PDB file of N, CA and C in Angstrom:
ATOM      1  N   MET A   1       0.217  -6.803  28.527  1.00  0.00           N
ATOM      2  CA  MET A   1      -0.245  -6.186  26.990  1.00  0.00           C
ATOM      3  C   MET A   1       0.728  -7.195  26.415  1.00  0.00           C
ATOM      4  N   THR A   2      -0.233  -7.438  25.422  1.00  0.00           N
ATOM      5  CA  THR A   2       0.770  -7.956  24.468  1.00  0.00           C
ATOM      6  C   THR A   2       1.914  -7.474  23.488  1.00  0.00           C
ATOM      7  N   PHE A   3       2.876  -7.778  22.934  1.00  0.00           N
ATOM      8  CA  PHE A   3       3.772  -7.100  21.932  1.00  0.00           C
ATOM      9  C   PHE A   3       2.917  -6.132  21.039  1.00  0.00           C
ATOM     10  N   THR A   4       2.015  -6.970  20.056  1.00  0.00           N
ATOM     11  CA  THR A   4       1.319  -5.898  18.957  1.00  0.00           C
ATOM     12  C   THR A   4       0.427  -5.152  19.603  1.00  0.00           C
ATOM     13  N   ARG A   5       0.204  -5.155  20.895  1.00  0.00           N
ATOM     14  CA  ARG A   5      -0.932  -4.001  21.190  1.00  0.00           C
ATOM     15  C   ARG A   5       0.118  -2.848  21.721  1.00  0.00           C
ATOM     16  N   ALA A   6       1.007  -3.418  22.681  1.00  0.00           N
ATOM     17  CA  ALA A   6       2.035  -2.681  23.133  1.00  0.00           C
ATOM     18  C   ALA A   6       2.783  -1.658  21.948  1.00  0.00           C
ATOM     19  N   HIS A   7       3.203  -2.330  20.773  1.00  0.00           N
ATOM     20  CA  HIS A   7       3.899  -1.905  19.690  1.00  0.00           C
ATOM     21  C   HIS A   7       3.170  -0.677  19.134  1.00  0.00           C
ATOM     22  N   ARG A   8       1.801  -1.173  18.522  1.00  0.00           N
ATOM     23  CA  ARG A   8       0.861  -0.208  18.134  1.00  0.00           C
ATOM     24  C   ARG A   8       0.607   1.135  18.922  1.00  0.00           C
ATOM     25  N   HIS A   9       0.519   0.905  20.457  1.00  0.00           N
ATOM     26  CA  HIS A   9       0.639   2.066  21.592  1.00  0.00           C
ATOM     27  C   HIS A   9       1.752   3.181  21.352  1.00  0.00           C
ATOM     28  N   PHE A  10       3.155   2.113  21.489  1.00  0.00           N
ATOM     29  CA  PHE A  10       4.221   3.167  21.191  1.00  0.00           C
ATOM     30  C   PHE A  10       3.983   3.696  19.555  1.00  0.00           C
ATOM     31  N   LEU A  11       3.891   2.932  18.708  1.00  0.00           N
ATOM     32  CA  LEU A  11       3.722   3.585  17.503  1.00  0.00           C
ATOM     33  C   LEU A  11       3.269   4.862  17.468  1.00  0.00           C
ATOM     34  N   ASP A  12       1.809   5.152  18.071  1.00  0.00           N
ATOM     35  CA  ASP A  12       0.924   6.292  18.286  1.00  0.00           C
ATOM     36  C   ASP A  12       2.019   7.133  19.197  1.00  0.00           C
ATOM     37  N   ALA A  13       1.995   6.758  20.165  1.00  0.00           N
ATOM     38  CA  ALA A  13       2.735   7.713  21.100  1.00  0.00           C
ATOM     39  C   ALA A  13       4.058   8.424  20.813  1.00  0.00           C
ATOM     40  N   LEU A  14       5.115   7.687  19.847  1.00  0.00           N
ATOM     41  CA  LEU A  14       6.247   8.120  19.629  1.00  0.00           C
ATOM     42  C   LEU A  14       5.544   9.086  18.207  1.00  0.00           C
ATOM     43  N   ARG A  15       5.142   8.609  17.497  1.00  0.00           N
ATOM     44  CA  ARG A  15       4.717   9.934  16.280  1.00  0.00           C
ATOM     45  C   ARG A  15       4.077  11.628  17.375  1.00  0.00           C
ATOM     46  N   GLU A  16       3.522  10.917  18.144  1.00  0.00           N
ATOM     47  CA  GLU A  16       2.880  12.573  19.087  1.00  0.00           C
ATOM     48  C   GLU A  16       4.383  13.038  19.705  1.00  0.00           C
ATOM     49  N   ASP A  17       4.921  12.481  20.031  1.00  0.00           N
ATOM     50  CA  ASP A  17       6.119  12.843  21.003  1.00  0.00           C
ATOM     51  C   ASP A  17       7.316  12.275  20.509  1.00  0.00           C
ATOM     52  N   ALA A  18       7.900  12.405  20.134  1.00  0.00           N
ATOM     53  CA  ALA A  18       9.730  11.399  19.745  1.00  0.00           C
ATOM     54  C   ALA A  18      10.433  11.746  20.900  1.00  0.00           C
ATOM     55  N   ALA A  19      10.060  12.196  21.995  1.00  0.00           N
ATOM     56  CA  ALA A  19      11.111  12.061  23.227  1.00  0.00           C
ATOM     57  C   ALA A  19      10.183  11.417  23.943  1.00  0.00           C
ATOM     58  N   LEU A  20       9.177  10.542  24.255  1.00  0.00           N
ATOM     59  CA  LEU A  20       8.701   9.833  25.162  1.00  0.00           C
ATOM     60  C   LEU A  20       9.747   8.909  25.670  1.00  0.00           C
ATOM     61  N   PRO A  21       9.109   8.866  27.062  1.00  0.00           N
ATOM     62  CA  PRO A  21      10.567   7.991  27.691  1.00  0.00           C
ATOM     63  C   PRO A  21      10.580   6.428  27.540  1.00  0.00           C
ATOM     64  N   PRO A  22      10.953   5.286  27.748  1.00  0.00           N
ATOM     65  CA  PRO A  22      10.807   4.397  28.116  1.00  0.00           C
ATOM     66  C   PRO A  22       9.776   3.565  28.752  1.00  0.00           C
ATOM     67  N   PRO A  23       9.336   2.322  29.043  1.00  0.00           N
ATOM     68  CA  PRO A  23       8.151   2.708  30.079  1.00  0.00           C
ATOM     69  C   PRO A  23       9.127   1.948  31.393  1.00  0.00           C
ATOM     70  N   ALA A  24       8.702   2.593  32.604  1.00  0.00           N
ATOM     71  CA  ALA A  24       9.431   2.539  34.248  1.00  0.00           C
ATOM     72  C   ALA A  24       9.523   1.094  33.846  1.00  0.00           C
ATOM     73  N   LEU A  25      10.615   0.667  34.231  1.00  0.00           N
ATOM     74  CA  LEU A  25      11.034  -0.791  35.250  1.00  0.00           C
ATOM     75  C   LEU A  25       9.945  -1.037  36.524  1.00  0.00           C
ATOM     76  N   ARG A  26       9.293  -2.488  35.690  1.00  0.00           N
ATOM     77  CA  ARG A  26       8.767  -2.786  36.824  1.00  0.00           C
ATOM     78  C   ARG A  26       9.118  -4.174  37.135  1.00  0.00           C
ATOM     79  N   THR A  27       9.625  -4.301  38.711  1.00  0.00           N
ATOM     80  CA  THR A  27      10.012  -5.912  39.006  1.00  0.00           C
ATOM     81  C   THR A  27       9.073  -6.369  40.239  1.00  0.00           C
ATOM     82  N   GLY A  28       8.127  -6.010  40.615  1.00  0.00           N
ATOM     83  CA  GLY A  28       7.828  -6.658  41.844  1.00  0.00           C
ATOM     84  C   GLY A  28       7.605  -7.761  41.534  1.00  0.00           C
ATOM     85  N   THR A  29       6.816  -8.262  40.495  1.00  0.00           N
ATOM     86  CA  THR A  29       6.766 -10.303  39.948  1.00  0.00           C
ATOM     87  C   THR A  29       7.132 -10.404  39.210  1.00  0.00           C
ATOM     88  N   ALA A  30       7.940 -11.527  39.016  1.00  0.00           N
ATOM     89  CA  ALA A  30       8.200 -12.356  37.488  1.00  0.00           C
ATOM     90  C   ALA A  30       7.291 -11.614  36.411  1.00  0.00           C
ATOM     91  N   ASP A  31       5.925 -11.665  36.501  1.00  0.00           N
ATOM     92  CA  ASP A  31       4.802 -11.227  35.540  1.00  0.00           C
ATOM     93  C   ASP A  31       5.134  -9.910  35.319  1.00  0.00           C
ATOM     94  N   ASP A  32       5.065  -9.239  36.504  1.00  0.00           N
ATOM     95  CA  ASP A  32       5.597  -8.106  36.206  1.00  0.00           C
ATOM     96  C   ASP A  32       6.541  -7.489  35.144  1.00  0.00           C
ATOM     97  N   PHE A  33       7.738  -7.956  35.484  1.00  0.00           N
ATOM     98  CA  PHE A  33       8.942  -8.286  34.796  1.00  0.00           C
ATOM     99  C   PHE A  33       8.743  -8.425  33.275  1.00  0.00           C
ATOM    100  N   ARG A  34       8.282  -9.627  33.192  1.00  0.00           N
ATOM    101  CA  ARG A  34       7.754 -10.332  31.753  1.00  0.00           C
ATOM    102  C   ARG A  34       6.880  -9.217  30.706  1.00  0.00           C
ATOM    103  N   GLU A  35       5.936  -8.710  31.737  1.00  0.00           N
ATOM    104  CA  GLU A  35       4.976  -7.463  30.912  1.00  0.00           C
ATOM    105  C   GLU A  35       6.346  -6.478  30.831  1.00  0.00           C
ATOM    106  N   TRP A  36       6.558  -5.630  31.283  1.00  0.00           N
ATOM    107  CA  TRP A  36       7.818  -4.803  30.956  1.00  0.00           C
ATOM    108  C   TRP A  36       8.688  -4.787  30.041  1.00  0.00           C
ATOM    109  N   LYS A  37       9.292  -6.422  29.985  1.00  0.00           N
ATOM    110  CA  LYS A  37      10.423  -6.580  29.111  1.00  0.00           C
ATOM    111  C   LYS A  37       9.360  -6.655  27.717  1.00  0.00           C
ATOM    112  N   ALA A  38       8.776  -6.876  27.438  1.00  0.00           N
ATOM    113  CA  ALA A  38       7.357  -7.337  26.459  1.00  0.00           C
ATOM    114  C   ALA A  38       7.509  -5.662  25.722  1.00  0.00           C
ATOM    115  N   GLU A  39       7.222  -4.871  27.092  1.00  0.00           N
ATOM    116  CA  GLU A  39       6.513  -3.601  26.526  1.00  0.00           C
ATOM    117  C   GLU A  39       8.011  -2.478  26.040  1.00  0.00           C
ATOM    118  N   MET A  40       9.028  -2.935  26.661  1.00  0.00           N
ATOM    119  CA  MET A  40      10.536  -2.777  26.160  1.00  0.00           C
ATOM    120  C   MET A  40      10.700  -3.118  24.612  1.00  0.00           C
ATOM    121  N   ARG A  41      10.232  -4.250  24.443  1.00  0.00           N
ATOM    122  CA  ARG A  41      10.648  -4.972  23.259  1.00  0.00           C
ATOM    123  C   ARG A  41       9.751  -4.002  22.014  1.00  0.00           C
ATOM    124  N   ALA A  42       8.562  -3.667  22.036  1.00  0.00           N
ATOM    125  CA  ALA A  42       7.776  -2.968  21.307  1.00  0.00           C
ATOM    126  C   ALA A  42       8.120  -1.584  21.548  1.00  0.00           C
ATOM    127  N   PHE A  43       8.747  -0.708  22.400  1.00  0.00           N
ATOM    128  CA  PHE A  43       9.168   0.294  22.164  1.00  0.00           C
ATOM    129  C   PHE A  43      10.108   0.451  21.481  1.00  0.00           C
ATOM    130  N   ASP A  44      11.103  -0.305  21.912  1.00  0.00           N
ATOM    131  CA  ASP A  44      12.287  -0.431  20.437  1.00  0.00           C
ATOM    132  C   ASP A  44      11.867  -0.507  19.254  1.00  0.00           C
ATOM    133  N   GLN A  45      11.340  -1.609  19.377  1.00  0.00           N
ATOM    134  CA  GLN A  45      10.727  -1.912  17.670  1.00  0.00           C
ATOM    135  C   GLN A  45      10.299  -0.575  16.979  1.00  0.00           C
ATOM    136  N   ALA A  46       9.278   0.049  17.898  1.00  0.00           N
ATOM    137  CA  ALA A  46       8.414   1.383  17.223  1.00  0.00           C
ATOM    138  C   ALA A  46       9.465   2.463  16.948  1.00  0.00           C
ATOM    139  N   GLN A  47      10.816   2.397  17.898  1.00  0.00           N
ATOM    140  CA  GLN A  47      11.615   3.658  17.477  1.00  0.00           C
ATOM    141  C   GLN A  47      11.942   3.106  16.456  1.00  0.00           C
ATOM    142  N   LEU A  48      12.481   1.814  16.108  1.00  0.00           N
ATOM    143  CA  LEU A  48      13.407   1.623  15.206  1.00  0.00           C
ATOM    144  C   LEU A  48      12.228   1.806  13.358  1.00  0.00           C
ATOM    145  N   ASP A  49      11.136   1.343  13.705  1.00  0.00           N
ATOM    146  CA  ASP A  49      10.039   1.427  12.574  1.00  0.00           C
ATOM    147  C   ASP A  49      10.004   3.133  12.147  1.00  0.00           C
ATOM    148  N   LEU A  50      10.003   3.649  13.144  1.00  0.00           N
ATOM    149  CA  LEU A  50       9.776   5.464  13.060  1.00  0.00           C
ATOM    150  C   LEU A  50      11.219   6.038  12.647  1.00  0.00           C
ATOM    151  N   GLY A  51      12.291   5.325  12.813  1.00  0.00           N
ATOM    152  CA  GLY A  51      13.554   5.795  12.452  1.00  0.00           C
ATOM    153  C   GLY A  51      14.093   6.887  13.416  1.00  0.00           C
ATOM    154  N   LEU A  52      13.652   6.914  14.514  1.00  0.00           N
ATOM    155  CA  LEU A  52      13.836   7.740  15.620  1.00  0.00           C
ATOM    156  C   LEU A  52      15.617   6.984  16.043  1.00  0.00           C
ATOM    157  N   VAL A  53      15.725   6.045  16.216  1.00  0.00           N
ATOM    158  CA  VAL A  53      16.929   5.498  15.991  1.00  0.00           C
ATOM    159  C   VAL A  53      17.357   4.180  15.092  1.00  0.00           C
ATOM    160  N   THR A  54      19.072   4.074  14.919  1.00  0.00           N
ATOM    161  CA  THR A  54      19.300   3.191  14.068  1.00  0.00           C
ATOM    162  C   THR A  54      19.388   1.756  15.045  1.00  0.00           C
ATOM    163  N   ALA A  55      19.778   0.661  14.234  1.00  0.00           N
ATOM    164  CA  ALA A  55      19.887  -0.642  15.290  1.00  0.00           C
ATOM    165  C   ALA A  55      21.154  -0.662  15.916  1.00  0.00           C
ATOM    166  N   ALA A  56      22.208   0.166  15.905  1.00  0.00           N
ATOM    167  CA  ALA A  56      23.536   0.395  15.984  1.00  0.00           C
ATOM    168  C   ALA A  56      23.275   1.321  17.439  1.00  0.00           C
ATOM    169  N   GLN A  57      22.643   2.411  17.306  1.00  0.00           N
ATOM    170  CA  GLN A  57      21.979   3.069  18.513  1.00  0.00           C
ATOM    171  C   GLN A  57      21.557   2.378  19.556  1.00  0.00           C
ATOM    172  N   LEU A  58      20.532   1.676  19.227  1.00  0.00           N
ATOM    173  CA  LEU A  58      19.619   0.739  20.114  1.00  0.00           C
ATOM    174  C   LEU A  58      20.438  -0.471  20.495  1.00  0.00           C
ATOM    175  N   GLN A  59      21.349  -1.430  19.492  1.00  0.00           N
ATOM    176  CA  GLN A  59      22.260  -1.940  20.426  1.00  0.00           C
ATOM    177  C   GLN A  59      23.262  -1.654  21.246  1.00  0.00           C
ATOM    178  N   GLU A  60      23.764  -0.319  21.448  1.00  0.00           N
ATOM    179  CA  GLU A  60      24.544   0.243  22.241  1.00  0.00           C
ATOM    180  C   GLU A  60      23.828   0.551  23.472  1.00  0.00           C
ATOM    181  N   ARG A  61      22.476   1.528  23.372  1.00  0.00           N
ATOM    182  CA  ARG A  61      21.953   1.573  24.397  1.00  0.00           C
ATOM    183  C   ARG A  61      21.500   0.369  25.205  1.00  0.00           C
ATOM    184  N   ASN A  62      21.042  -0.684  24.802  1.00  0.00           N
ATOM    185  CA  ASN A  62      20.748  -1.853  25.182  1.00  0.00           C
ATOM    186  C   ASN A  62      21.739  -2.694  25.996  1.00  0.00           C
ATOM    187  N   ALA A  63      22.971  -2.578  25.424  1.00  0.00           N
ATOM    188  CA  ALA A  63      24.283  -3.451  25.580  1.00  0.00           C
ATOM    189  C   ALA A  63      24.480  -3.388  27.185  1.00  0.00           C
ATOM    190  N   ALA A  64      24.717  -4.873  27.708  1.00  0.00           N
ATOM    191  CA  ALA A  64      25.096  -5.025  29.273  1.00  0.00           C
ATOM    192  C   ALA A  64      26.415  -4.116  29.781  1.00  0.00           C
ATOM    193  N   VAL A  65      27.464  -4.630  28.731  1.00  0.00           N
ATOM    194  CA  VAL A  65      28.532  -3.893  28.313  1.00  0.00           C
ATOM    195  C   VAL A  65      28.911  -2.836  27.552  1.00  0.00           C
ATOM    196  N   ARG A  66      29.431  -1.475  27.784  1.00  0.00           N
ATOM    197  CA  ARG A  66      29.619  -0.523  27.622  1.00  0.00           C
ATOM    198  C   ARG A  66      30.745  -0.654  26.745  1.00  0.00           C
ATOM    199  N   VAL A  67      30.853  -0.675  25.335  1.00  0.00           N
ATOM    200  CA  VAL A  67      32.023  -0.552  24.393  1.00  0.00           C
ATOM    201  C   VAL A  67      32.033   0.372  23.664  1.00  0.00           C
ATOM    202  N   ARG A  68      32.729   1.598  23.615  1.00  0.00           N
ATOM    203  CA  ARG A  68      32.972   2.317  22.699  1.00  0.00           C
ATOM    204  C   ARG A  68      33.857   1.943  20.881  1.00  0.00           C
ATOM    205  N   ARG A  69      34.880   1.461  21.305  1.00  0.00           N
ATOM    206  CA  ARG A  69      35.400   1.260  20.551  1.00  0.00           C
ATOM    207  C   ARG A  69      35.252  -0.068  19.744  1.00  0.00           C
ATOM    208  N   PHE A  70      35.192  -0.868  20.270  1.00  0.00           N
ATOM    209  CA  PHE A  70      35.642  -2.369  19.916  1.00  0.00           C
ATOM    210  C   PHE A  70      34.540  -3.413  20.161  1.00  0.00           C
ATOM    211  N   PRO A  71      33.934  -4.219  19.128  1.00  0.00           N
ATOM    212  CA  PRO A  71      32.812  -4.699  19.512  1.00  0.00           C
ATOM    213  C   PRO A  71      33.580  -5.704  20.621  1.00  0.00           C
ATOM    214  N   MET A  72      32.443  -6.463  21.208  1.00  0.00           N
ATOM    215  CA  MET A  72      32.765  -7.642  22.432  1.00  0.00           C
ATOM    216  C   MET A  72      31.549  -8.478  23.096  1.00  0.00           C
ATOM    217  N   ARG A  73      32.069  -9.540  23.186  1.00  0.00           N
ATOM    218  CA  ARG A  73      31.013 -10.752  23.301  1.00  0.00           C
ATOM    219  C   ARG A  73      31.619 -11.307  24.805  1.00  0.00           C
ATOM    220  N   ILE A  74      30.550 -11.562  25.452  1.00  0.00           N
ATOM    221  CA  ILE A  74      30.709 -11.860  26.679  1.00  0.00           C
ATOM    222  C   ILE A  74      30.863 -13.832  26.232  1.00  0.00           C
ATOM    223  N   VAL A  75      32.173 -14.460  26.445  1.00  0.00           N
ATOM    224  CA  VAL A  75      32.504 -16.189  25.686  1.00  0.00           C
ATOM    225  C   VAL A  75      31.972 -16.945  27.054  1.00  0.00           C
ATOM    226  N   LYS A  76      32.593 -16.523  28.169  1.00  0.00           N
ATOM    227  CA  LYS A  76      32.581 -17.349  29.212  1.00  0.00           C
ATOM    228  C   LYS A  76      31.770 -16.988  30.553  1.00  0.00           C
ATOM    229  N   GLY A  77      30.661 -17.324  31.032  1.00  0.00           N
ATOM    230  CA  GLY A  77      30.132 -16.561  32.188  1.00  0.00           C
ATOM    231  C   GLY A  77      31.066 -17.034  33.635  1.00  0.00           C
ATOM    232  N   ALA A  78      30.893 -16.259  34.633  1.00  0.00           N
ATOM    233  CA  ALA A  78      31.563 -16.626  35.773  1.00  0.00           C
ATOM    234  C   ALA A  78      30.864 -17.760  36.627  1.00  0.00           C
ATOM    235  N   ARG A  79      31.940 -18.290  36.900  1.00  0.00           N
ATOM    236  CA  ARG A  79      31.998 -19.427  37.429  1.00  0.00           C
ATOM    237  C   ARG A  79      31.178 -19.099  39.038  1.00  0.00           C
ATOM    238  N   TYR A  80      30.467 -19.624  39.679  1.00  0.00           N
ATOM    239  CA  TYR A  80      30.152 -19.628  41.138  1.00  0.00           C
ATOM    240  C   TYR A  80      30.370 -20.752  42.062  1.00  0.00           C
ATOM    241  N   ALA A  81      30.955 -20.558  43.065  1.00  0.00           N
ATOM    242  CA  ALA A  81      31.556 -22.015  44.081  1.00  0.00           C
ATOM    243  C   ALA A  81      30.291 -22.173  45.125  1.00  0.00           C
TER     244      ALA A  81
END
C-alpha cells in the first residue's frame, strides 16, 4: 500500500475510531517491513492531521531512546570488532 493510500485509509479509520491501534509489525521479508513502515508513517501523519497527537507526543512515542527531561541525540554509533 502506498503512503497516500494508507494515509487516506487511516484518516477515515481514525475519524471513526480515534483509539484505533497502529498497524501490526510485519517483519517476514524486507518488503513486508517496508510496507509496514510506510503504513506507520501514514498512521502517524493521520494522527497529526486530525489533532489526536502533537508532534512532541509523536516524537516521544517513536523515539528509540526514551528521555523524559532532557533532549538527547546519539552522536556516535557503537563500534563492532
